C-alpha atoms as a PDB file:
ATOM      1  CA  MET A   1     -16.575 -18.201  -4.448  1.00  0.00           C
ATOM      2  CA  GLU A   2     -15.079 -14.891  -5.544  1.00  0.00           C
ATOM      3  CA  ILE A   3     -13.379 -12.962  -2.738  1.00  0.00           C
ATOM      4  CA  PHE A   4     -12.351  -9.906  -4.783  1.00  0.00           C
ATOM      5  CA  THR A   5     -11.497  -8.526  -8.213  1.00  0.00           C
ATOM      6  CA  LYS A   6      -9.067  -5.659  -8.578  1.00  0.00           C
ATOM      7  CA  GLN A   7      -7.422  -3.649 -11.330  1.00  0.00           C
ATOM      8  CA  LEU A   8      -3.742  -3.498 -10.405  1.00  0.00           C
ATOM      9  CA  THR A   9      -1.764  -0.357  -9.687  1.00  0.00           C
ATOM     10  CA  SER A  10       2.014  -0.005  -9.813  1.00  0.00           C
ATOM     11  CA  ILE A  11       2.030  -0.115  -5.977  1.00  0.00           C
ATOM     12  CA  ASP A  12       0.213  -3.488  -6.022  1.00  0.00           C
ATOM     13  CA  ILE A  13       2.964  -4.884  -8.242  1.00  0.00           C
ATOM     14  CA  GLU A  14       5.975  -3.303  -6.547  1.00  0.00           C
ATOM     15  CA  ARG A  15       5.053  -3.397  -2.834  1.00  0.00           C
ATOM     16  CA  GLY A  16       2.178  -5.852  -2.432  1.00  0.00           C
ATOM     17  CA  LEU A  17      -1.431  -6.185  -3.502  1.00  0.00           C
ATOM     18  CA  VAL A  18      -3.692  -4.258  -1.113  1.00  0.00           C
ATOM     19  CA  LEU A  19      -7.036  -6.016  -0.870  1.00  0.00           C
ATOM     20  CA  PRO A  20      -9.973  -3.836  -1.943  1.00  0.00           C
ATOM     21  CA  PRO A  21     -12.384  -2.639   0.784  1.00  0.00           C
ATOM     22  CA  ASP A  22     -15.274  -4.707  -0.643  1.00  0.00           C
ATOM     23  CA  SER A  23     -13.363  -8.019  -0.334  1.00  0.00           C
ATOM     24  CA  LYS A  24     -15.263 -10.924   1.217  1.00  0.00           C
ATOM     25  CA  LEU A  25     -12.824 -11.298   4.123  1.00  0.00           C
ATOM     26  CA  GLU A  26     -14.946 -13.913   5.896  1.00  0.00           C
ATOM     27  CA  SER A  27     -13.602 -16.374   3.286  1.00  0.00           C
ATOM     28  CA  LEU A  28     -10.061 -15.958   4.642  1.00  0.00           C
ATOM     29  CA  PRO A  29      -8.832 -17.888   7.683  1.00  0.00           C
ATOM     30  CA  PRO A  30      -8.709 -15.962  10.969  1.00  0.00           C
ATOM     31  CA  PHE A  31      -5.450 -14.288  11.981  1.00  0.00           C
ATOM     32  CA  HIS A  32      -5.797 -15.271  15.687  1.00  0.00           C
ATOM     33  CA  GLY A  33      -3.500 -12.415  16.693  1.00  0.00           C
ATOM     34  CA  ALA A  34      -0.886 -13.190  14.033  1.00  0.00           C
ATOM     35  CA  ARG A  35       0.313 -10.486  11.630  1.00  0.00           C
ATOM     36  CA  THR A  36       0.394 -12.842   8.635  1.00  0.00           C
ATOM     37  CA  ILE A  37      -1.592 -15.787   7.321  1.00  0.00           C
ATOM     38  CA  GLU A  38      -0.494 -18.142   4.546  1.00  0.00           C
ATOM     39  CA  LEU A  39      -2.837 -18.942   1.664  1.00  0.00           C
ATOM     40  CA  SER A  40      -2.130 -22.004  -0.504  1.00  0.00           C
ATOM     41  CA  THR A  41      -3.124 -20.704  -3.933  1.00  0.00           C
ATOM     42  CA  MET A  42      -3.301 -22.004  -7.509  1.00  0.00           C
ATOM     43  CA  VAL A  43      -2.288 -19.334 -10.035  1.00  0.00           C
ATOM     44  CA  ALA A  44      -3.739 -19.007 -13.537  1.00  0.00           C
ATOM     45  CA  VAL A  45      -2.685 -16.396 -16.101  1.00  0.00           C
ATOM     46  CA  GLN A  46      -5.300 -15.584 -18.726  1.00  0.00           C
ATOM     47  CA  SER A  47      -4.096 -14.045 -21.992  1.00  0.00           C
ATOM     48  CA  ALA A  48      -5.030 -13.982 -25.671  1.00  0.00           C
ATOM     49  CA  ALA A  49      -3.100 -17.256 -26.021  1.00  0.00           C
ATOM     50  CA  GLY A  50      -5.252 -18.990 -23.383  1.00  0.00           C
ATOM     51  CA  ILE A  51      -4.898 -19.904 -19.709  1.00  0.00           C
ATOM     52  CA  THR A  52      -1.557 -20.977 -18.207  1.00  0.00           C
ATOM     53  CA  THR A  53      -1.025 -22.193 -14.651  1.00  0.00           C
ATOM     54  CA  LEU A  54       2.015 -21.029 -12.696  1.00  0.00           C
ATOM     55  CA  PRO A  55       4.439 -22.417 -11.611  1.00  0.00           C
ATOM     56  CA  GLY A  56       3.913 -25.707 -13.408  1.00  0.00           C
ATOM     57  CA  GLY A  57       0.482 -26.215 -11.875  1.00  0.00           C
ATOM     58  CA  GLU A  58       1.747 -26.322  -8.274  1.00  0.00           C
ATOM     59  CA  PRO A  59       0.174 -24.212  -5.494  1.00  0.00           C
ATOM     60  CA  VAL A  60       1.984 -21.053  -4.384  1.00  0.00           C
ATOM     61  CA  THR A  61       1.929 -19.817  -0.786  1.00  0.00           C
ATOM     62  CA  ILE A  62       0.772 -16.206  -0.679  1.00  0.00           C
ATOM     63  CA  HIS A  63       1.339 -14.325   2.574  1.00  0.00           C
ATOM     64  CA  CYS A  64      -1.519 -12.016   3.583  1.00  0.00           C
ATOM     65  CA  SER A  65      -0.389  -9.393   6.101  1.00  0.00           C
ATOM     66  CA  THR A  66      -1.763  -6.322   7.796  1.00  0.00           C
ATOM     67  CA  ARG A  67      -0.245  -3.085   6.536  1.00  0.00           C
ATOM     68  CA  SER A  68      -1.337   0.347   7.753  1.00  0.00           C
ATOM     69  CA  GLY A  69      -4.737  -1.040   8.744  1.00  0.00           C
ATOM     70  CA  ASN A  70      -5.251  -2.823   5.403  1.00  0.00           C
ATOM     71  CA  LEU A  71      -4.719  -6.398   4.303  1.00  0.00           C
ATOM     72  CA  ALA A  72      -2.118  -6.966   1.584  1.00  0.00           C
ATOM     73  CA  PHE A  73      -0.652  -9.914  -0.305  1.00  0.00           C
ATOM     74  CA  THR A  74       3.124  -9.707   0.030  1.00  0.00           C
ATOM     75  CA  ARG A  75       5.498 -12.687  -0.178  1.00  0.00           C
ATOM     76  CA  GLY A  76       4.408 -15.064  -2.877  1.00  0.00           C
ATOM     77  CA  TRP A  77       2.316 -12.394  -4.590  1.00  0.00           C
ATOM     78  CA  LEU A  78       5.364 -10.337  -5.578  1.00  0.00           C
ATOM     79  CA  ASP A  79       6.890 -13.447  -7.193  1.00  0.00           C
ATOM     80  CA  ILE A  80       3.649 -14.089  -9.101  1.00  0.00           C
ATOM     81  CA  ALA A  81       3.538 -10.486 -10.348  1.00  0.00           C
ATOM     82  CA  ARG A  82       7.128 -10.704 -11.632  1.00  0.00           C
ATOM     83  CA  CYS A  83       6.785 -14.207 -13.121  1.00  0.00           C
ATOM     84  CA  ALA A  84       3.539 -13.337 -14.934  1.00  0.00           C
ATOM     85  CA  GLY A  85       4.912  -9.982 -16.146  1.00  0.00           C
ATOM     86  CA  LEU A  86       1.952  -8.111 -14.648  1.00  0.00           C
ATOM     87  CA  GLY A  87       1.564  -4.399 -15.171  1.00  0.00           C
ATOM     88  CA  SER A  88      -0.572  -1.529 -13.994  1.00  0.00           C
ATOM     89  CA  GLY A  89      -4.119  -1.966 -15.296  1.00  0.00           C
ATOM     90  CA  ASP A  90      -4.078  -5.786 -15.345  1.00  0.00           C
ATOM     91  CA  ILE A  91      -6.979  -7.509 -13.558  1.00  0.00           C
ATOM     92  CA  VAL A  92      -6.742  -9.978 -10.657  1.00  0.00           C
ATOM     93  CA  THR A  93      -9.586 -12.109  -9.325  1.00  0.00           C
ATOM     94  CA  PHE A  94      -9.088 -14.103  -6.120  1.00  0.00           C
ATOM     95  CA  TYR A  95     -11.359 -17.065  -5.324  1.00  0.00           C
ATOM     96  CA  GLN A  96     -11.897 -19.521  -2.513  1.00  0.00           C
ATOM     97  CA  GLU A  97     -11.682 -22.848  -4.325  1.00  0.00           C
ATOM     98  CA  VAL A  98     -10.285 -26.140  -3.067  1.00  0.00           C
ATOM     99  CA  ASN A  99      -8.192 -27.539  -5.923  1.00  0.00           C
ATOM    100  CA  GLY A 100      -5.287 -29.990  -5.748  1.00  0.00           C
ATOM    101  CA  GLY A 101      -4.342 -29.183  -2.156  1.00  0.00           C
ATOM    102  CA  ALA A 102      -4.788 -25.438  -2.594  1.00  0.00           C
ATOM    103  CA  GLN A 103      -7.645 -23.631  -0.878  1.00  0.00           C
ATOM    104  CA  TYR A 104      -7.607 -20.566  -3.131  1.00  0.00           C
ATOM    105  CA  LYS A 105      -7.193 -19.648  -6.773  1.00  0.00           C
ATOM    106  CA  ILE A 106      -5.997 -16.404  -8.311  1.00  0.00           C
ATOM    107  CA  VAL A 107      -6.641 -15.564 -11.958  1.00  0.00           C
ATOM    108  CA  VAL A 108      -4.611 -12.744 -13.482  1.00  0.00           C
ATOM    109  CA  ARG A 109      -5.658 -11.201 -16.776  1.00  0.00           C
ATOM    110  CA  SER A 110      -3.240  -9.084 -18.743  1.00  0.00           C
ATOM    111  CA  VAL A 111      -4.898  -6.168 -20.497  1.00  0.00           C
ATOM    112  CA  GLY A 112      -1.732  -5.088 -22.329  1.00  0.00           C
END
């Protein structure tokens, strides 16, 4: 199930991906008073050459934290953005999908 799709900004890449306001947050685990939750996530990069999984098909732990009243992906996400060479304008779609031990999947699509 799709949780959100977002066109990236430079802030999303440099500081952390702020989840869009129309995200289906009920698909995320509860925070139970914590400031951060960890999301085991498979990463797929879609380009003209096809789809590649990062890193080597293993799940990545993305930290979802509260920041200024918003939810943002921070640790884990910043590594993905660098490793995939993401830029402003690229598209990210985040899904709830149980796959190989991961509970979520993120697909990044480079538009450049």
